[in-house]
């Protein structure tokens, strides 16, 4: 026979699971809204309406609107890692991994054409707005840039790329290609933007490839 204590514990666990599921559902809706309208477009009222909940019900899962925005950023970063960063680690160190990072990054951007990239839109929203949200966003972008920088540095160390090129320069040019892709594909609606980004990356890699000495 189940004891009163066990019953209370089971009920508490059940309510905790339900609360976690509700919180996750709210974050999914919030991420979708933030991708389209930006993090500043997020409001407790908007989410309450979309979730068919009261404002107090939504607010109970987050301490403040700012906490909600930061949690949305964390969820976006998690998705980015799962779709781009971790799969690229399956490739060999050096150029194969760097190429995989760019290919998967482009693939994600193509999916985000209809919605938007929070890393990019967030940079516009918070470039001159100090605070916890900006700090969180900058930290996430730096983490991705750091991963790219390490992959580029390994490609140089392994002789896949010339040793007179800086890894930071490679990352800078990769970022430029992605920003141009996002701009032309999402804002300008230009066909062939993905192919241009891929072609630009291939030319960059070819330019930085080691010079092979001709056999006499």
N, C-alpha and C. Protein backbone atom coordinates (compact mmCIF):
# COMPACT_ATOMS: atom_id res chain seq x y z
N UNK A 1 0.86 -1.19 0.00
CA UNK A 1 0.00 0.00 0.00
C UNK A 1 0.89 1.24 0.00
N UNK A 2 0.58 2.18 -0.89
CA UNK A 2 1.43 3.36 -1.03
C UNK A 2 1.26 4.28 0.16
N UNK A 3 2.37 4.77 0.69
CA UNK A 3 2.32 5.66 1.86
C UNK A 3 1.94 7.06 1.44
N UNK A 4 1.54 7.85 2.42
CA UNK A 4 1.18 9.25 2.15
C UNK A 4 2.37 10.03 1.63
N UNK A 5 3.56 9.73 2.17
CA UNK A 5 4.78 10.40 1.73
C UNK A 5 5.09 10.06 0.28
N UNK A 6 4.98 8.76 -0.06
CA UNK A 6 5.24 8.35 -1.44
C UNK A 6 4.23 8.99 -2.40
N UNK A 7 2.98 9.07 -1.95
CA UNK A 7 1.94 9.70 -2.79
C UNK A 7 2.29 11.17 -3.05
N UNK A 8 2.69 11.86 -1.97
CA UNK A 8 3.06 13.27 -2.12
C UNK A 8 4.25 13.43 -3.05
N UNK A 9 5.21 12.53 -2.94
CA UNK A 9 6.40 12.60 -3.79
C UNK A 9 6.05 12.34 -5.25
N UNK A 10 5.18 11.36 -5.48
CA UNK A 10 4.76 11.07 -6.85
C UNK A 10 4.00 12.23 -7.47
N UNK A 11 3.12 12.84 -6.68
CA UNK A 11 2.35 13.98 -7.18
C UNK A 11 3.27 15.16 -7.47
N UNK A 12 4.25 15.37 -6.59
CA UNK A 12 5.20 16.47 -6.79
C UNK A 12 6.00 16.25 -8.08
N UNK A 13 6.45 15.00 -8.30
CA UNK A 13 7.20 14.67 -9.51
C UNK A 13 6.34 14.88 -10.75
N UNK A 14 5.07 14.50 -10.66
CA UNK A 14 4.15 14.65 -11.79
C UNK A 14 3.98 16.12 -12.14
N UNK A 15 3.77 16.95 -11.12
CA UNK A 15 3.58 18.38 -11.36
C UNK A 15 4.86 19.02 -11.90
N UNK A 16 6.02 18.53 -11.42
CA UNK A 16 7.29 19.06 -11.91
C UNK A 16 7.47 18.73 -13.39
N UNK A 17 7.13 17.50 -13.78
CA UNK A 17 7.24 17.12 -15.19
C UNK A 17 6.30 17.96 -16.05
N UNK A 18 5.11 18.17 -15.55
CA UNK A 18 4.14 18.97 -16.29
C UNK A 18 4.64 20.41 -16.43
N UNK A 19 5.22 20.93 -15.33
CA UNK A 19 5.75 22.30 -15.38
C UNK A 19 6.91 22.42 -16.35
N UNK A 20 7.77 21.39 -16.39
CA UNK A 20 8.91 21.41 -17.31
C UNK A 20 8.44 21.34 -18.75
N UNK A 21 7.42 20.54 -19.00
CA UNK A 21 6.88 20.43 -20.37
C UNK A 21 6.25 21.73 -20.80
N UNK A 22 5.53 22.36 -19.88
CA UNK A 22 4.89 23.65 -20.20
C UNK A 22 5.95 24.71 -20.47
N UNK A 23 6.98 24.72 -19.65
CA UNK A 23 8.06 25.70 -19.84
C UNK A 23 8.75 25.49 -21.18
N UNK A 24 9.00 24.22 -21.54
CA UNK A 24 9.64 23.91 -22.81
C UNK A 24 8.76 24.34 -23.98
N UNK A 25 7.45 24.14 -23.84
CA UNK A 25 6.52 24.54 -24.89
C UNK A 25 6.50 26.06 -25.06
N UNK A 26 6.55 26.77 -23.95
CA UNK A 26 6.58 28.23 -24.00
C UNK A 26 7.84 28.71 -24.71
N UNK A 27 8.97 28.08 -24.39
CA UNK A 27 10.24 28.47 -25.00
C UNK A 27 10.25 28.20 -26.50
N UNK A 28 9.65 27.10 -26.92
CA UNK A 28 9.57 26.79 -28.35
C UNK A 28 8.78 27.86 -29.09
N UNK A 29 7.66 28.26 -28.51
CA UNK A 29 6.84 29.31 -29.13
C UNK A 29 7.59 30.64 -29.10
N UNK A 30 8.29 30.91 -28.00
CA UNK A 30 9.05 32.15 -27.87
C UNK A 30 10.19 32.21 -28.88
N UNK A 31 10.86 31.08 -29.09
CA UNK A 31 11.96 31.04 -30.07
C UNK A 31 11.44 31.30 -31.47
N UNK A 32 10.31 30.72 -31.81
CA UNK A 32 9.71 30.95 -33.12
C UNK A 32 9.36 32.42 -33.31
N UNK A 33 8.79 33.02 -32.27
CA UNK A 33 8.41 34.44 -32.35
C UNK A 33 9.64 35.33 -32.43
N UNK A 34 10.68 35.02 -31.65
CA UNK A 34 11.90 35.83 -31.64
C UNK A 34 12.63 35.73 -32.97
N UNK A 35 12.57 34.57 -33.62
CA UNK A 35 13.23 34.39 -34.91
C UNK A 35 12.60 35.32 -35.96
N UNK A 36 11.31 35.52 -35.86
CA UNK A 36 10.61 36.37 -36.82
C UNK A 36 10.63 37.84 -36.44
N UNK A 37 10.38 38.12 -35.16
CA UNK A 37 10.17 39.50 -34.72
C UNK A 37 11.29 40.07 -33.87
N UNK A 38 12.33 39.26 -33.58
CA UNK A 38 13.43 39.73 -32.76
C UNK A 38 13.16 39.49 -31.28
N UNK A 39 14.22 39.49 -30.50
CA UNK A 39 14.09 39.27 -29.06
C UNK A 39 13.30 40.39 -28.38
N UNK A 40 13.43 41.60 -28.90
CA UNK A 40 12.70 42.72 -28.30
C UNK A 40 11.21 42.64 -28.60
N UNK A 41 10.83 41.82 -29.58
CA UNK A 41 9.42 41.64 -29.88
C UNK A 41 8.73 40.68 -28.94
N UNK A 42 9.51 40.02 -28.08
CA UNK A 42 8.94 39.06 -27.15
C UNK A 42 8.29 39.77 -25.96
N UNK A 43 7.06 39.39 -25.67
CA UNK A 43 6.38 39.90 -24.48
C UNK A 43 5.63 38.76 -23.80
N UNK A 44 5.43 38.89 -22.52
CA UNK A 44 4.68 37.89 -21.77
C UNK A 44 3.26 37.80 -22.32
N UNK A 45 2.68 38.95 -22.67
CA UNK A 45 1.31 38.97 -23.19
C UNK A 45 1.19 38.23 -24.51
N UNK A 46 2.19 38.41 -25.38
CA UNK A 46 2.17 37.73 -26.67
C UNK A 46 2.22 36.21 -26.48
N UNK A 47 3.09 35.76 -25.60
CA UNK A 47 3.21 34.32 -25.37
C UNK A 47 1.97 33.75 -24.68
N UNK A 48 1.40 34.53 -23.77
CA UNK A 48 0.17 34.09 -23.09
C UNK A 48 -0.94 33.87 -24.11
N UNK A 49 -1.03 34.79 -25.08
CA UNK A 49 -2.04 34.66 -26.12
C UNK A 49 -1.79 33.43 -26.99
N UNK A 50 -0.54 33.24 -27.41
CA UNK A 50 -0.20 32.11 -28.27
C UNK A 50 -0.35 30.77 -27.55
N UNK A 51 -0.09 30.76 -26.25
CA UNK A 51 -0.17 29.52 -25.47
C UNK A 51 -1.55 29.30 -24.86
N UNK A 52 -2.44 30.27 -25.05
CA UNK A 52 -3.77 30.20 -24.44
C UNK A 52 -3.67 30.06 -22.92
N UNK A 53 -2.77 30.89 -22.36
CA UNK A 53 -2.55 30.89 -20.92
C UNK A 53 -2.73 32.31 -20.40
N UNK A 54 -2.81 32.41 -19.08
CA UNK A 54 -2.84 33.74 -18.48
C UNK A 54 -1.43 34.31 -18.44
N UNK A 55 -1.31 35.63 -18.34
CA UNK A 55 0.01 36.24 -18.24
C UNK A 55 0.75 35.75 -16.99
N UNK A 56 0.01 35.62 -15.90
CA UNK A 56 0.64 35.16 -14.66
C UNK A 56 1.12 33.73 -14.80
N UNK A 57 0.38 32.93 -15.59
CA UNK A 57 0.78 31.55 -15.81
C UNK A 57 2.09 31.46 -16.56
N UNK A 58 2.26 32.32 -17.57
CA UNK A 58 3.52 32.36 -18.33
C UNK A 58 4.64 32.92 -17.45
N UNK A 59 4.32 33.99 -16.74
CA UNK A 59 5.32 34.67 -15.92
C UNK A 59 5.86 33.75 -14.83
N UNK A 60 5.03 32.80 -14.37
CA UNK A 60 5.45 31.90 -13.28
C UNK A 60 6.64 31.05 -13.69
N UNK A 61 6.83 30.85 -14.98
CA UNK A 61 7.93 30.01 -15.46
C UNK A 61 9.22 30.79 -15.67
N UNK A 62 9.15 32.12 -15.64
CA UNK A 62 10.32 32.97 -15.88
C UNK A 62 10.27 34.14 -14.91
N UNK A 63 11.42 34.46 -14.35
CA UNK A 63 11.45 35.54 -13.37
C UNK A 63 11.13 36.91 -13.93
N UNK A 64 11.43 37.11 -15.20
CA UNK A 64 11.22 38.40 -15.84
C UNK A 64 11.24 38.24 -17.35
N UNK A 65 10.88 39.28 -18.06
CA UNK A 65 10.95 39.26 -19.53
C UNK A 65 12.40 39.07 -19.98
N UNK A 66 13.33 39.68 -19.27
CA UNK A 66 14.75 39.54 -19.61
C UNK A 66 15.21 38.09 -19.43
N UNK A 67 14.76 37.45 -18.36
CA UNK A 67 15.11 36.04 -18.14
C UNK A 67 14.57 35.19 -19.29
N UNK A 68 13.35 35.49 -19.72
CA UNK A 68 12.75 34.77 -20.85
C UNK A 68 13.60 34.94 -22.11
N UNK A 69 14.02 36.16 -22.39
CA UNK A 69 14.82 36.43 -23.59
C UNK A 69 16.15 35.67 -23.54
N UNK A 70 16.77 35.63 -22.38
CA UNK A 70 18.05 34.93 -22.24
C UNK A 70 17.84 33.42 -22.42
N UNK A 71 16.75 32.88 -21.90
CA UNK A 71 16.46 31.46 -22.07
C UNK A 71 16.20 31.12 -23.53
N UNK A 72 15.57 32.03 -24.25
CA UNK A 72 15.36 31.83 -25.69
C UNK A 72 16.70 31.80 -26.41
N UNK A 73 17.60 32.70 -26.03
CA UNK A 73 18.95 32.71 -26.61
C UNK A 73 19.65 31.37 -26.36
N UNK A 74 19.54 30.86 -25.15
CA UNK A 74 20.19 29.59 -24.81
C UNK A 74 19.61 28.45 -25.64
N UNK A 75 18.30 28.48 -25.86
CA UNK A 75 17.67 27.43 -26.66
C UNK A 75 18.12 27.51 -28.11
N UNK A 76 18.23 28.72 -28.64
CA UNK A 76 18.71 28.90 -30.01
C UNK A 76 20.15 28.39 -30.13
N UNK A 77 20.97 28.74 -29.15
CA UNK A 77 22.38 28.31 -29.16
C UNK A 77 22.47 26.79 -29.09
N UNK A 78 21.60 26.18 -28.29
CA UNK A 78 21.58 24.72 -28.19
C UNK A 78 21.25 24.09 -29.55
N UNK A 79 20.24 24.61 -30.23
CA UNK A 79 19.88 24.10 -31.55
C UNK A 79 21.05 24.27 -32.53
N UNK A 80 21.70 25.41 -32.46
CA UNK A 80 22.82 25.68 -33.35
C UNK A 80 23.94 24.67 -33.12
N UNK A 81 24.25 24.42 -31.87
CA UNK A 81 25.30 23.44 -31.55
C UNK A 81 24.93 22.05 -32.06
N UNK A 82 23.67 21.66 -31.86
CA UNK A 82 23.24 20.33 -32.26
C UNK A 82 23.23 20.14 -33.77
N UNK A 83 22.95 21.21 -34.51
CA UNK A 83 22.82 21.10 -35.96
C UNK A 83 24.10 21.43 -36.72
N UNK A 84 24.96 22.23 -36.11
CA UNK A 84 26.15 22.70 -36.82
C UNK A 84 27.45 22.25 -36.14
N UNK A 85 27.61 22.60 -34.88
CA UNK A 85 28.91 22.36 -34.22
C UNK A 85 29.20 20.88 -33.99
N UNK A 86 28.33 20.19 -33.27
CA UNK A 86 28.63 18.81 -32.92
C UNK A 86 28.74 17.88 -34.13
N UNK A 87 27.86 17.99 -35.13
CA UNK A 87 28.04 17.12 -36.31
C UNK A 87 29.37 17.35 -37.04
N UNK A 88 29.87 18.60 -37.02
CA UNK A 88 31.13 18.89 -37.71
C UNK A 88 32.31 18.22 -37.02
N UNK A 89 32.18 17.92 -35.72
CA UNK A 89 33.28 17.28 -35.00
C UNK A 89 33.50 15.84 -35.43
N UNK A 90 32.56 15.29 -36.16
CA UNK A 90 32.72 13.93 -36.67
C UNK A 90 33.75 13.87 -37.80
N UNK A 91 34.03 15.03 -38.40
CA UNK A 91 35.00 15.09 -39.48
C UNK A 91 36.42 15.19 -38.92
N UNK A 92 37.39 14.83 -39.74
CA UNK A 92 38.79 14.87 -39.33
C UNK A 92 39.21 16.31 -39.01
N UNK A 93 40.15 16.43 -38.09
CA UNK A 93 40.66 17.75 -37.71
C UNK A 93 41.26 18.46 -38.91
N UNK A 94 41.21 19.79 -38.88
CA UNK A 94 41.79 20.56 -39.97
C UNK A 94 40.76 20.98 -41.00
N UNK A 95 41.16 20.95 -42.26
CA UNK A 95 40.31 21.44 -43.33
C UNK A 95 38.99 20.68 -43.46
N UNK A 96 38.96 19.34 -43.36
CA UNK A 96 37.67 18.65 -43.46
C UNK A 96 36.65 19.14 -42.43
N UNK A 97 37.11 19.40 -41.21
CA UNK A 97 36.20 19.89 -40.17
C UNK A 97 35.77 21.33 -40.46
N UNK A 98 36.69 22.15 -40.91
CA UNK A 98 36.36 23.53 -41.24
C UNK A 98 35.35 23.59 -42.38
N UNK A 99 35.52 22.74 -43.37
CA UNK A 99 34.58 22.68 -44.48
C UNK A 99 33.21 22.21 -44.03
N UNK A 100 33.19 21.25 -43.11
CA UNK A 100 31.92 20.76 -42.59
C UNK A 100 31.21 21.85 -41.80
N UNK A 101 31.97 22.60 -41.02
CA UNK A 101 31.38 23.70 -40.25
C UNK A 101 30.69 24.70 -41.16
N UNK A 102 31.37 25.06 -42.24
CA UNK A 102 30.78 26.04 -43.15
C UNK A 102 29.57 25.46 -43.87
N UNK A 103 29.67 24.23 -44.33
CA UNK A 103 28.57 23.60 -45.06
C UNK A 103 27.32 23.49 -44.18
N UNK A 104 27.50 23.07 -42.93
CA UNK A 104 26.36 22.93 -42.02
C UNK A 104 25.80 24.29 -41.62
N UNK A 105 26.69 25.28 -41.51
CA UNK A 105 26.28 26.64 -41.20
C UNK A 105 25.41 27.19 -42.34
N UNK A 106 25.84 26.98 -43.56
CA UNK A 106 25.06 27.42 -44.72
C UNK A 106 23.71 26.71 -44.75
N UNK A 107 23.73 25.42 -44.44
CA UNK A 107 22.48 24.65 -44.43
C UNK A 107 21.49 25.23 -43.43
N UNK A 108 22.00 25.61 -42.25
CA UNK A 108 21.11 26.18 -41.24
C UNK A 108 20.58 27.54 -41.68
N UNK A 109 21.43 28.35 -42.30
CA UNK A 109 20.99 29.67 -42.76
C UNK A 109 19.89 29.54 -43.81
N UNK A 110 20.00 28.53 -44.68
CA UNK A 110 18.97 28.34 -45.70
C UNK A 110 17.62 28.01 -45.06
N UNK A 111 17.65 27.29 -43.95
CA UNK A 111 16.41 26.99 -43.22
C UNK A 111 15.87 28.26 -42.57
N UNK A 112 16.78 29.13 -42.13
CA UNK A 112 16.37 30.34 -41.41
C UNK A 112 15.97 31.49 -42.34
N UNK A 113 16.05 31.29 -43.63
CA UNK A 113 15.68 32.36 -44.56
C UNK A 113 14.25 32.80 -44.32
N UNK A 114 13.37 31.85 -44.03
CA UNK A 114 11.96 32.17 -43.83
C UNK A 114 11.70 32.78 -42.45
N UNK A 115 12.60 32.56 -41.51
CA UNK A 115 12.37 33.06 -40.15
C UNK A 115 13.39 34.13 -39.77
N UNK A 116 14.66 33.73 -39.74
CA UNK A 116 15.70 34.69 -39.36
C UNK A 116 16.69 34.08 -38.40
N UNK A 117 17.88 34.61 -38.40
CA UNK A 117 18.96 34.13 -37.53
C UNK A 117 19.05 35.05 -36.32
N UNK A 118 18.87 34.51 -35.13
CA UNK A 118 18.89 35.33 -33.92
C UNK A 118 20.28 35.89 -33.66
N UNK A 119 21.34 35.16 -34.05
CA UNK A 119 22.69 35.71 -33.90
C UNK A 119 22.83 37.01 -34.69
N UNK A 120 22.26 37.03 -35.90
CA UNK A 120 22.39 38.20 -36.76
C UNK A 120 21.42 39.30 -36.36
N UNK A 121 20.16 38.95 -36.18
CA UNK A 121 19.17 39.96 -35.78
C UNK A 121 19.48 40.50 -34.39
N UNK A 122 19.98 39.61 -33.51
CA UNK A 122 20.32 40.05 -32.17
C UNK A 122 21.47 41.04 -32.15
N UNK A 123 22.42 40.87 -33.08
CA UNK A 123 23.53 41.82 -33.17
C UNK A 123 23.04 43.21 -33.53
N UNK A 124 22.01 43.26 -34.37
CA UNK A 124 21.43 44.56 -34.75
C UNK A 124 20.67 45.16 -33.58
N UNK A 125 19.93 44.32 -32.86
CA UNK A 125 19.11 44.81 -31.74
C UNK A 125 19.96 45.29 -30.56
N UNK A 126 21.08 44.59 -30.32
CA UNK A 126 21.82 44.85 -29.08
C UNK A 126 23.24 45.35 -29.30
N UNK A 127 23.54 45.82 -30.51
CA UNK A 127 24.91 46.29 -30.76
C UNK A 127 25.30 47.45 -29.86
N UNK A 128 24.33 48.32 -29.52
CA UNK A 128 24.65 49.47 -28.66
C UNK A 128 23.77 49.48 -27.41
N UNK A 129 23.34 48.30 -26.99
CA UNK A 129 22.45 48.20 -25.84
C UNK A 129 23.09 47.28 -24.80
N UNK A 130 23.85 47.85 -23.85
CA UNK A 130 24.52 47.01 -22.85
C UNK A 130 23.53 46.31 -21.93
N UNK A 131 23.98 45.21 -21.36
CA UNK A 131 23.13 44.49 -20.42
C UNK A 131 23.31 42.99 -20.54
N UNK A 132 22.61 42.23 -19.70
CA UNK A 132 22.76 40.77 -19.67
C UNK A 132 22.44 40.08 -20.99
N UNK A 133 21.46 40.57 -21.74
CA UNK A 133 21.10 39.93 -23.00
C UNK A 133 22.23 40.07 -24.00
N UNK A 134 22.78 41.28 -24.11
CA UNK A 134 23.90 41.50 -25.01
C UNK A 134 25.09 40.64 -24.61
N UNK A 135 25.36 40.58 -23.31
CA UNK A 135 26.49 39.79 -22.83
C UNK A 135 26.32 38.31 -23.17
N UNK A 136 25.09 37.80 -22.99
CA UNK A 136 24.83 36.40 -23.31
C UNK A 136 25.00 36.14 -24.80
N UNK A 137 24.48 37.05 -25.62
CA UNK A 137 24.57 36.89 -27.07
C UNK A 137 26.02 36.96 -27.54
N UNK A 138 26.77 37.92 -27.04
CA UNK A 138 28.18 38.06 -27.41
C UNK A 138 28.95 36.81 -27.00
N UNK A 139 28.66 36.28 -25.82
CA UNK A 139 29.35 35.08 -25.36
C UNK A 139 29.12 33.88 -26.26
N UNK A 140 27.90 33.74 -26.74
CA UNK A 140 27.55 32.63 -27.63
C UNK A 140 28.23 32.77 -28.99
N UNK A 141 28.22 33.97 -29.52
CA UNK A 141 28.86 34.21 -30.82
C UNK A 141 30.36 34.00 -30.70
N UNK A 142 30.95 34.46 -29.60
CA UNK A 142 32.38 34.26 -29.38
C UNK A 142 32.72 32.78 -29.29
N UNK A 143 31.84 32.01 -28.67
CA UNK A 143 32.08 30.57 -28.55
C UNK A 143 32.12 29.92 -29.94
N UNK A 144 31.22 30.32 -30.83
CA UNK A 144 31.20 29.78 -32.19
C UNK A 144 32.42 30.26 -32.97
N UNK A 145 32.75 31.54 -32.84
CA UNK A 145 33.93 32.05 -33.53
C UNK A 145 35.19 31.35 -33.02
N UNK A 146 35.22 31.05 -31.74
CA UNK A 146 36.37 30.35 -31.18
C UNK A 146 36.50 28.95 -31.77
N UNK A 147 35.37 28.27 -31.96
CA UNK A 147 35.40 26.94 -32.56
C UNK A 147 35.90 27.01 -34.00
N UNK A 148 35.45 28.01 -34.74
CA UNK A 148 35.91 28.20 -36.11
C UNK A 148 37.41 28.51 -36.14
N UNK A 149 37.84 29.35 -35.21
CA UNK A 149 39.25 29.74 -35.15
C UNK A 149 40.13 28.54 -34.87
N UNK A 150 39.69 27.66 -33.97
CA UNK A 150 40.48 26.46 -33.66
C UNK A 150 40.57 25.54 -34.86
N UNK A 151 39.44 25.38 -35.56
CA UNK A 151 39.44 24.52 -36.75
C UNK A 151 40.36 25.08 -37.82
N UNK A 152 40.33 26.40 -38.01
CA UNK A 152 41.19 27.03 -39.01
C UNK A 152 42.66 26.91 -38.61
N UNK A 153 42.95 27.10 -37.32
CA UNK A 153 44.33 26.99 -36.84
C UNK A 153 44.86 25.56 -37.03
N UNK A 154 44.01 24.58 -36.79
CA UNK A 154 44.41 23.19 -37.00
C UNK A 154 44.68 22.91 -38.47
N UNK A 155 43.85 23.50 -39.35
CA UNK A 155 44.07 23.31 -40.79
C UNK A 155 45.43 23.88 -41.20
N UNK A 156 45.82 24.98 -40.58
CA UNK A 156 47.12 25.59 -40.88
C UNK A 156 48.25 24.72 -40.32
N UNK A 157 48.08 24.27 -39.08
CA UNK A 157 49.11 23.44 -38.43
C UNK A 157 49.33 22.12 -39.19
N UNK A 158 48.26 21.57 -39.72
CA UNK A 158 48.34 20.28 -40.42
C UNK A 158 48.78 20.42 -41.87
N UNK A 159 49.02 21.65 -42.30
CA UNK A 159 49.48 21.88 -43.66
C UNK A 159 48.38 21.88 -44.71
N UNK A 160 47.13 21.92 -44.28
CA UNK A 160 46.01 21.97 -45.22
C UNK A 160 45.86 23.37 -45.82
N UNK A 161 46.32 24.37 -45.07
CA UNK A 161 46.29 25.76 -45.52
C UNK A 161 47.67 26.37 -45.30
N UNK A 162 47.97 27.46 -46.01
CA UNK A 162 49.29 28.09 -45.91
C UNK A 162 49.58 28.54 -44.48
N UNK A 163 50.84 28.49 -44.12
CA UNK A 163 51.20 28.89 -42.77
C UNK A 163 51.42 30.39 -42.61
N UNK A 164 51.24 31.14 -43.70
CA UNK A 164 51.39 32.58 -43.59
C UNK A 164 50.04 33.29 -43.46
N UNK A 165 48.97 32.54 -43.31
CA UNK A 165 47.64 33.12 -43.15
C UNK A 165 47.21 32.99 -41.70
N UNK A 166 46.50 33.98 -41.20
CA UNK A 166 46.02 33.95 -39.82
C UNK A 166 44.66 33.26 -39.76
N UNK A 167 44.46 32.45 -38.74
CA UNK A 167 43.17 31.78 -38.56
C UNK A 167 42.04 32.79 -38.41
N UNK A 168 42.32 33.91 -37.73
CA UNK A 168 41.30 34.94 -37.53
C UNK A 168 40.84 35.53 -38.87
N UNK A 169 41.74 35.63 -39.83
CA UNK A 169 41.37 36.15 -41.14
C UNK A 169 40.41 35.21 -41.85
N UNK A 170 40.67 33.92 -41.72
CA UNK A 170 39.79 32.91 -42.33
C UNK A 170 38.39 32.99 -41.72
N UNK A 171 38.32 33.10 -40.39
CA UNK A 171 37.03 33.20 -39.71
C UNK A 171 36.31 34.47 -40.14
N UNK A 172 37.04 35.56 -40.27
CA UNK A 172 36.46 36.84 -40.68
C UNK A 172 35.81 36.70 -42.07
N UNK A 173 36.50 36.06 -42.98
CA UNK A 173 35.97 35.91 -44.33
C UNK A 173 34.78 34.94 -44.37
N UNK A 174 34.83 33.89 -43.55
CA UNK A 174 33.70 32.98 -43.46
C UNK A 174 32.46 33.70 -42.95
N UNK A 175 32.65 34.53 -41.92
CA UNK A 175 31.53 35.30 -41.38
C UNK A 175 30.97 36.26 -42.42
N UNK A 176 31.86 36.87 -43.18
CA UNK A 176 31.42 37.79 -44.23
C UNK A 176 30.55 37.09 -45.26
N UNK A 177 30.91 35.88 -45.63
CA UNK A 177 30.13 35.11 -46.60
C UNK A 177 28.74 34.77 -46.04
N UNK A 178 28.68 34.40 -44.77
CA UNK A 178 27.40 34.06 -44.15
C UNK A 178 26.50 35.29 -44.03
N UNK A 179 27.08 36.42 -43.65
CA UNK A 179 26.29 37.65 -43.54
C UNK A 179 25.75 38.07 -44.91
N UNK A 180 26.59 37.95 -45.94
CA UNK A 180 26.14 38.28 -47.30
C UNK A 180 25.04 37.33 -47.74
N UNK A 181 25.18 36.05 -47.40
CA UNK A 181 24.16 35.07 -47.75
C UNK A 181 22.83 35.41 -47.08
N UNK A 182 22.88 35.70 -45.81
CA UNK A 182 21.66 36.02 -45.07
C UNK A 182 21.00 37.28 -45.65
N UNK A 183 21.81 38.28 -45.96
CA UNK A 183 21.29 39.54 -46.51
C UNK A 183 20.64 39.33 -47.87
N UNK A 184 21.36 38.67 -48.77
CA UNK A 184 20.85 38.52 -50.14
C UNK A 184 19.69 37.52 -50.22
N UNK A 185 19.76 36.46 -49.44
CA UNK A 185 18.70 35.45 -49.51
C UNK A 185 17.45 35.90 -48.78
N UNK A 186 17.60 36.50 -47.60
CA UNK A 186 16.43 36.87 -46.78
C UNK A 186 15.88 38.25 -47.12
N UNK A 187 16.77 39.23 -47.25
CA UNK A 187 16.32 40.60 -47.47
C UNK A 187 16.10 40.91 -48.96
N UNK A 188 17.09 40.57 -49.78
CA UNK A 188 17.00 40.88 -51.20
C UNK A 188 16.26 39.82 -52.01
N UNK A 189 16.10 38.63 -51.41
CA UNK A 189 15.42 37.53 -52.10
C UNK A 189 16.11 37.18 -53.44
N UNK A 190 17.43 37.21 -53.41
CA UNK A 190 18.18 36.93 -54.64
C UNK A 190 18.35 35.43 -54.84
N UNK A 191 17.97 34.91 -55.99
CA UNK A 191 18.21 33.49 -56.26
C UNK A 191 19.71 33.23 -56.43
N UNK A 192 20.13 32.04 -56.10
CA UNK A 192 21.53 31.67 -56.26
C UNK A 192 22.44 32.15 -55.15
N UNK A 193 21.87 32.70 -54.07
CA UNK A 193 22.71 33.23 -52.98
C UNK A 193 23.50 32.13 -52.28
N UNK A 194 22.88 30.97 -52.11
CA UNK A 194 23.57 29.86 -51.43
C UNK A 194 24.76 29.40 -52.27
N UNK A 195 24.54 29.29 -53.56
CA UNK A 195 25.62 28.86 -54.45
C UNK A 195 26.77 29.86 -54.45
N UNK A 196 26.45 31.14 -54.38
CA UNK A 196 27.51 32.17 -54.34
C UNK A 196 28.32 32.07 -53.05
N UNK A 197 27.65 31.81 -51.96
CA UNK A 197 28.35 31.65 -50.68
C UNK A 197 29.27 30.44 -50.72
N UNK A 198 28.76 29.35 -51.25
CA UNK A 198 29.57 28.13 -51.35
C UNK A 198 30.76 28.34 -52.28
N UNK A 199 30.52 29.02 -53.39
CA UNK A 199 31.60 29.30 -54.34
C UNK A 199 32.65 30.21 -53.72
N UNK A 200 32.18 31.20 -52.96
CA UNK A 200 33.12 32.11 -52.30
C UNK A 200 34.00 31.38 -51.30
N UNK A 201 33.42 30.45 -50.57
CA UNK A 201 34.20 29.68 -49.60
C UNK A 201 35.23 28.80 -50.31
N UNK A 202 34.81 28.17 -51.38
CA UNK A 202 35.73 27.31 -52.13
C UNK A 202 36.90 28.11 -52.70
N UNK A 203 36.62 29.32 -53.19
CA UNK A 203 37.71 30.17 -53.72
C UNK A 203 38.65 30.60 -52.61
N UNK A 204 38.09 30.89 -51.44
CA UNK A 204 38.92 31.28 -50.31
C UNK A 204 39.87 30.14 -49.92
N UNK A 205 39.33 28.92 -49.83
CA UNK A 205 40.15 27.76 -49.48
C UNK A 205 41.22 27.52 -50.54
N UNK A 206 40.85 27.68 -51.79
CA UNK A 206 41.81 27.50 -52.87
C UNK A 206 42.92 28.55 -52.79
N UNK A 207 42.55 29.78 -52.46
CA UNK A 207 43.53 30.87 -52.37
C UNK A 207 44.53 30.62 -51.24
N UNK A 208 44.03 30.07 -50.13
CA UNK A 208 44.90 29.85 -48.98
C UNK A 208 45.54 28.46 -48.96
N UNK A 209 45.32 27.70 -50.01
CA UNK A 209 45.92 26.35 -50.07
C UNK A 209 47.44 26.46 -50.21
N UNK A 210 48.17 25.52 -49.68
CA UNK A 210 49.63 25.54 -49.80
C UNK A 210 50.06 25.50 -51.28
N UNK A 211 51.11 26.19 -51.57
CA UNK A 211 51.63 26.22 -52.94
C UNK A 211 52.44 24.94 -53.15
N UNK A 212 52.07 24.19 -54.16
CA UNK A 212 52.82 22.97 -54.44
C UNK A 212 53.92 23.28 -55.45
N UNK A 213 55.12 22.82 -55.14
CA UNK A 213 56.25 23.09 -56.00
C UNK A 213 56.22 22.16 -57.22
N UNK A 214 56.44 22.76 -58.35
CA UNK A 214 56.45 21.96 -59.57
C UNK A 214 57.67 21.05 -59.61
N UNK A 215 57.47 19.84 -60.08
CA UNK A 215 58.59 18.89 -60.18
C UNK A 215 59.38 19.20 -61.43
N UNK A 216 60.69 19.33 -61.25
CA UNK A 216 61.55 19.69 -62.40
C UNK A 216 61.67 18.52 -63.34
